[in-house]
PDB file of N, CA and C in Angstrom:
ATOM      1  N   MET A   1       0.832  -1.174   0.009  1.00  0.00           N
ATOM      2  CA  MET A   1       0.068  -0.068   0.007  1.00  0.00           C
ATOM      3  C   MET A   1       0.827   1.274  -0.004  1.00  0.00           C
ATOM      4  N   LEU A   2       1.949   1.316   0.791  1.00  0.00           N
ATOM      5  CA  LEU A   2       2.801   2.401   0.805  1.00  0.00           C
ATOM      6  C   LEU A   2       3.482   2.463  -0.550  1.00  0.00           C
ATOM      7  N   ALA A   3       3.806   1.406  -1.136  1.00  0.00           N
ATOM      8  CA  ALA A   3       4.472   1.513  -2.592  1.00  0.00           C
ATOM      9  C   ALA A   3       3.520   2.194  -3.569  1.00  0.00           C
ATOM     10  N   THR A   4       2.268   1.817  -3.421  1.00  0.00           N
ATOM     11  CA  THR A   4       1.263   2.380  -4.253  1.00  0.00           C
ATOM     12  C   THR A   4       1.119   3.909  -4.050  1.00  0.00           C
ATOM     13  N   GLN A   5       1.065   4.311  -2.832  1.00  0.00           N
ATOM     14  CA  GLN A   5       0.875   5.715  -2.477  1.00  0.00           C
ATOM     15  C   GLN A   5       2.209   6.485  -3.011  1.00  0.00           C
ATOM     16  N   LEU A   6       3.333   5.938  -2.794  1.00  0.00           N
ATOM     17  CA  LEU A   6       4.533   6.587  -3.272  1.00  0.00           C
ATOM     18  C   LEU A   6       4.517   6.674  -4.833  1.00  0.00           C
ATOM     19  N   ALA A   7       4.113   5.556  -5.488  1.00  0.00           N
ATOM     20  CA  ALA A   7       4.103   5.666  -6.885  1.00  0.00           C
ATOM     21  C   ALA A   7       3.148   6.639  -7.394  1.00  0.00           C
ATOM     22  N   ASN A   8       1.955   6.874  -6.796  1.00  0.00           N
ATOM     23  CA  ASN A   8       1.033   7.818  -7.201  1.00  0.00           C
ATOM     24  C   ASN A   8       1.516   9.211  -6.984  1.00  0.00           C
ATOM     25  N   GLU A   9       2.320   9.408  -5.948  1.00  0.00           N
ATOM     26  CA  GLU A   9       2.817  10.777  -5.678  1.00  0.00           C
ATOM     27  C   GLU A   9       3.913  11.016  -6.596  1.00  0.00           C
ATOM     28  N   GLN A  10       4.653  10.016  -7.074  1.00  0.00           N
ATOM     29  CA  GLN A  10       5.775  10.306  -8.045  1.00  0.00           C
ATOM     30  C   GLN A  10       5.265  10.142  -9.519  1.00  0.00           C
ATOM     31  N   GLY A  11       3.995   9.945  -9.736  1.00  0.00           N
ATOM     32  CA  GLY A  11       3.516   9.816 -11.021  1.00  0.00           C
ATOM     33  C   GLY A  11       3.804   8.580 -11.887  1.00  0.00           C
ATOM     34  N   SER A  12       4.217   7.536 -11.223  1.00  0.00           N
ATOM     35  CA  SER A  12       4.485   6.287 -11.812  1.00  0.00           C
ATOM     36  C   SER A  12       3.650   5.133 -11.317  1.00  0.00           C
ATOM     37  N   ALA A  13       3.450   4.103 -12.148  1.00  0.00           N
ATOM     38  CA  ALA A  13       2.602   3.041 -11.706  1.00  0.00           C
ATOM     39  C   ALA A  13       3.249   2.207 -10.635  1.00  0.00           C
ATOM     40  N   PRO A  14       2.507   1.592  -9.821  1.00  0.00           N
ATOM     41  CA  PRO A  14       3.010   0.735  -8.730  1.00  0.00           C
ATOM     42  C   PRO A  14       3.746  -0.492  -9.348  1.00  0.00           C
ATOM     43  N   PRO A  15       4.699  -1.150  -8.762  1.00  0.00           N
ATOM     44  CA  PRO A  15       5.222  -2.393  -9.248  1.00  0.00           C
ATOM     45  C   PRO A  15       4.324  -3.557  -9.201  1.00  0.00           C
ATOM     46  N   PRO A  16       4.324  -4.281 -10.300  1.00  0.00           N
ATOM     47  CA  PRO A  16       3.463  -5.508 -10.439  1.00  0.00           C
ATOM     48  C   PRO A  16       3.756  -6.585  -9.370  1.00  0.00           C
ATOM     49  N   GLU A  17       3.151  -6.532  -8.232  1.00  0.00           N
ATOM     50  CA  GLU A  17       3.495  -7.412  -7.226  1.00  0.00           C
ATOM     51  C   GLU A  17       2.871  -8.741  -7.382  1.00  0.00           C
ATOM     52  N   ALA A  18       1.530  -8.891  -7.480  1.00  0.00           N
ATOM     53  CA  ALA A  18       0.868 -10.140  -7.730  1.00  0.00           C
ATOM     54  C   ALA A  18       0.505 -10.428  -9.089  1.00  0.00           C
ATOM     55  N   VAL A  19       0.678  -9.564 -10.032  1.00  0.00           N
ATOM     56  CA  VAL A  19       0.373  -9.788 -11.357  1.00  0.00           C
ATOM     57  C   VAL A  19       1.585 -10.252 -12.211  1.00  0.00           C
ATOM     58  N   GLN A  20       1.687 -11.604 -12.177  1.00  0.00           N
ATOM     59  CA  GLN A  20       2.688 -12.173 -12.925  1.00  0.00           C
ATOM     60  C   GLN A  20       2.088 -13.158 -13.911  1.00  0.00           C
ATOM     61  N   PRO A  21       2.496 -13.173 -15.217  1.00  0.00           N
ATOM     62  CA  PRO A  21       1.900 -14.131 -16.078  1.00  0.00           C
ATOM     63  C   PRO A  21       2.076 -15.540 -15.738  1.00  0.00           C
ATOM     64  N   ARG A  22       1.059 -16.364 -15.929  1.00  0.00           N
ATOM     65  CA  ARG A  22       1.124 -17.762 -15.567  1.00  0.00           C
ATOM     66  C   ARG A  22       1.918 -18.388 -16.707  1.00  0.00           C
ATOM     67  N   PRO A  23       2.922 -19.335 -16.305  1.00  0.00           N
ATOM     68  CA  PRO A  23       3.682 -19.892 -17.323  1.00  0.00           C
ATOM     69  C   PRO A  23       2.777 -20.804 -18.150  1.00  0.00           C
ATOM     70  N   GLN A  24       2.968 -20.852 -19.496  1.00  0.00           N
ATOM     71  CA  GLN A  24       2.185 -21.693 -20.321  1.00  0.00           C
ATOM     72  C   GLN A  24       2.723 -23.159 -20.166  1.00  0.00           C
ATOM     73  N   SER A  25       1.769 -24.112 -20.336  1.00  0.00           N
ATOM     74  CA  SER A  25       2.166 -25.483 -20.308  1.00  0.00           C
ATOM     75  C   SER A  25       2.768 -25.812 -21.633  1.00  0.00           C
ATOM     76  N   VAL A  26       3.521 -26.874 -21.738  1.00  0.00           N
ATOM     77  CA  VAL A  26       4.134 -27.383 -22.892  1.00  0.00           C
ATOM     78  C   VAL A  26       3.074 -27.666 -24.068  1.00  0.00           C
ATOM     79  N   ALA A  27       1.954 -28.229 -23.506  1.00  0.00           N
ATOM     80  CA  ALA A  27       0.939 -28.567 -24.406  1.00  0.00           C
ATOM     81  C   ALA A  27       0.258 -27.329 -24.971  1.00  0.00           C
ATOM     82  N   ASP A  28       0.120 -26.248 -24.255  1.00  0.00           N
ATOM     83  CA  ASP A  28      -0.421 -25.009 -24.748  1.00  0.00           C
ATOM     84  C   ASP A  28       0.479 -24.434 -25.765  1.00  0.00           C
ATOM     85  N   GLU A  29       1.752 -24.541 -25.484  1.00  0.00           N
ATOM     86  CA  GLU A  29       2.719 -23.868 -26.386  1.00  0.00           C
ATOM     87  C   GLU A  29       2.715 -24.652 -27.753  1.00  0.00           C
ATOM     88  N   LEU A  30       2.722 -26.060 -27.640  1.00  0.00           N
ATOM     89  CA  LEU A  30       2.695 -26.945 -28.828  1.00  0.00           C
ATOM     90  C   LEU A  30       1.451 -26.669 -29.639  1.00  0.00           C
ATOM     91  N   GLY A  31       0.324 -26.332 -28.986  1.00  0.00           N
ATOM     92  CA  GLY A  31      -0.915 -26.107 -29.718  1.00  0.00           C
ATOM     93  C   GLY A  31      -0.893 -24.832 -30.428  1.00  0.00           C
ATOM     94  N   LYS A  32      -0.285 -23.855 -29.884  1.00  0.00           N
ATOM     95  CA  LYS A  32      -0.062 -22.495 -30.434  1.00  0.00           C
ATOM     96  C   LYS A  32       0.844 -22.703 -31.725  1.00  0.00           C
ATOM     97  N   LEU A  33       1.894 -23.489 -31.539  1.00  0.00           N
ATOM     98  CA  LEU A  33       2.873 -23.663 -32.671  1.00  0.00           C
ATOM     99  C   LEU A  33       2.118 -24.368 -33.822  1.00  0.00           C
ATOM    100  N   LYS A  34       1.504 -25.469 -33.486  1.00  0.00           N
ATOM    101  CA  LYS A  34       0.711 -26.144 -34.518  1.00  0.00           C
ATOM    102  C   LYS A  34      -0.236 -25.338 -35.335  1.00  0.00           C
ATOM    103  N   ALA A  35      -0.939 -24.401 -34.499  1.00  0.00           N
ATOM    104  CA  ALA A  35      -1.868 -23.481 -35.180  1.00  0.00           C
ATOM    105  C   ALA A  35      -1.126 -22.672 -36.208  1.00  0.00           C
ATOM    106  N   LEU A  36       0.078 -22.209 -35.859  1.00  0.00           N
ATOM    107  CA  LEU A  36       0.896 -21.326 -36.744  1.00  0.00           C
ATOM    108  C   LEU A  36       1.321 -22.178 -37.915  1.00  0.00           C
ATOM    109  N   VAL A  37       1.617 -23.439 -37.812  1.00  0.00           N
ATOM    110  CA  VAL A  37       1.944 -24.325 -38.928  1.00  0.00           C
ATOM    111  C   VAL A  37       0.720 -24.368 -39.777  1.00  0.00           C
ATOM    112  N   GLU A  38      -0.435 -24.598 -39.204  1.00  0.00           N
ATOM    113  CA  GLU A  38      -1.710 -24.679 -40.049  1.00  0.00           C
ATOM    114  C   GLU A  38      -2.017 -23.442 -40.818  1.00  0.00           C
ATOM    115  N   LYS A  39      -1.624 -22.262 -40.288  1.00  0.00           N
ATOM    116  CA  LYS A  39      -1.857 -20.895 -40.864  1.00  0.00           C
ATOM    117  C   LYS A  39      -0.821 -20.633 -41.936  1.00  0.00           C
ATOM    118  N   GLY A  40       0.238 -21.493 -41.922  1.00  0.00           N
ATOM    119  CA  GLY A  40       1.320 -21.176 -42.930  1.00  0.00           C
ATOM    120  C   GLY A  40       2.372 -20.072 -42.400  1.00  0.00           C
ATOM    121  N   VAL A  41       2.322 -19.844 -41.154  1.00  0.00           N
ATOM    122  CA  VAL A  41       3.318 -18.854 -40.530  1.00  0.00           C
ATOM    123  C   VAL A  41       4.573 -19.609 -40.213  1.00  0.00           C
ATOM    124  N   LEU A  42       4.477 -20.839 -39.796  1.00  0.00           N
ATOM    125  CA  LEU A  42       5.709 -21.640 -39.462  1.00  0.00           C
ATOM    126  C   LEU A  42       5.802 -22.745 -40.534  1.00  0.00           C
ATOM    127  N   THR A  43       6.997 -23.241 -40.814  1.00  0.00           N
ATOM    128  CA  THR A  43       7.143 -24.436 -41.594  1.00  0.00           C
ATOM    129  C   THR A  43       7.093 -25.658 -40.632  1.00  0.00           C
ATOM    130  N   GLN A  44       6.981 -26.850 -41.191  1.00  0.00           N
ATOM    131  CA  GLN A  44       6.985 -27.938 -40.371  1.00  0.00           C
ATOM    132  C   GLN A  44       8.346 -28.230 -39.620  1.00  0.00           C
ATOM    133  N   ASP A  45       9.353 -27.796 -40.430  1.00  0.00           N
ATOM    134  CA  ASP A  45      10.664 -27.852 -39.820  1.00  0.00           C
ATOM    135  C   ASP A  45      10.944 -26.887 -38.637  1.00  0.00           C
ATOM    136  N   GLU A  46      10.320 -25.708 -38.831  1.00  0.00           N
ATOM    137  CA  GLU A  46      10.351 -24.772 -37.695  1.00  0.00           C
ATOM    138  C   GLU A  46       9.653 -25.268 -36.526  1.00  0.00           C
ATOM    139  N   PHE A  47       8.487 -25.825 -36.742  1.00  0.00           N
ATOM    140  CA  PHE A  47       7.641 -26.411 -35.694  1.00  0.00           C
ATOM    141  C   PHE A  47       8.487 -27.599 -34.881  1.00  0.00           C
ATOM    142  N   ASP A  48       9.052 -28.377 -35.808  1.00  0.00           N
ATOM    143  CA  ASP A  48       9.795 -29.514 -35.151  1.00  0.00           C
ATOM    144  C   ASP A  48      10.940 -29.030 -34.258  1.00  0.00           C
ATOM    145  N   GLN A  49      11.653 -27.909 -34.720  1.00  0.00           N
ATOM    146  CA  GLN A  49      12.746 -27.353 -33.880  1.00  0.00           C
ATOM    147  C   GLN A  49      12.206 -26.767 -32.614  1.00  0.00           C
ATOM    148  N   GLN A  50      11.074 -26.011 -32.705  1.00  0.00           N
ATOM    149  CA  GLN A  50      10.532 -25.496 -31.445  1.00  0.00           C
ATOM    150  C   GLN A  50       9.906 -26.577 -30.489  1.00  0.00           C
ATOM    151  N   LYS A  51       9.427 -27.635 -31.127  1.00  0.00           N
ATOM    152  CA  LYS A  51       8.938 -28.754 -30.282  1.00  0.00           C
ATOM    153  C   LYS A  51      10.060 -29.408 -29.569  1.00  0.00           C
ATOM    154  N   ALA A  52      11.100 -29.601 -30.254  1.00  0.00           N
ATOM    155  CA  ALA A  52      12.398 -30.274 -29.582  1.00  0.00           C
ATOM    156  C   ALA A  52      12.885 -29.341 -28.463  1.00  0.00           C
ATOM    157  N   ARG A  53      12.857 -27.972 -28.668  1.00  0.00           N
ATOM    158  CA  ARG A  53      13.254 -27.049 -27.725  1.00  0.00           C
ATOM    159  C   ARG A  53      12.378 -27.126 -26.473  1.00  0.00           C
ATOM    160  N   LEU A  54      10.989 -27.228 -26.648  1.00  0.00           N
ATOM    161  CA  LEU A  54      10.124 -27.289 -25.547  1.00  0.00           C
ATOM    162  C   LEU A  54      10.120 -28.577 -24.757  1.00  0.00           C
ATOM    163  N   LEU A  55      10.396 -29.572 -25.483  1.00  0.00           N
ATOM    164  CA  LEU A  55      10.445 -30.903 -24.837  1.00  0.00           C
ATOM    165  C   LEU A  55      11.705 -31.262 -24.185  1.00  0.00           C
ATOM    166  N   GLY A  56      12.767 -30.533 -24.639  1.00  0.00           N
ATOM    167  CA  GLY A  56      14.053 -30.650 -23.947  1.00  0.00           C
ATOM    168  C   GLY A  56      14.772 -32.020 -24.170  1.00  0.00           C
ATOM    169  N   PRO A  57      15.885 -32.197 -23.566  1.00  0.00           N
ATOM    170  CA  PRO A  57      16.679 -33.337 -23.772  1.00  0.00           C
ATOM    171  C   PRO A  57      15.969 -34.650 -23.216  1.00  0.00           C
TER     172      PRO A  57
END
């Protein structure tokens, strides 16, 4: 609360304390990548590279 008050007085936004993006699951990321392949944005080779990166060693 003090940080918010100080930020308002200084004219800047308060720091994002509890607002952190939730990490995407691997399945969500793969789904997004697959959709990009279907739209023609990514090639199958690019998809395969990103899939390997997400799944790791």
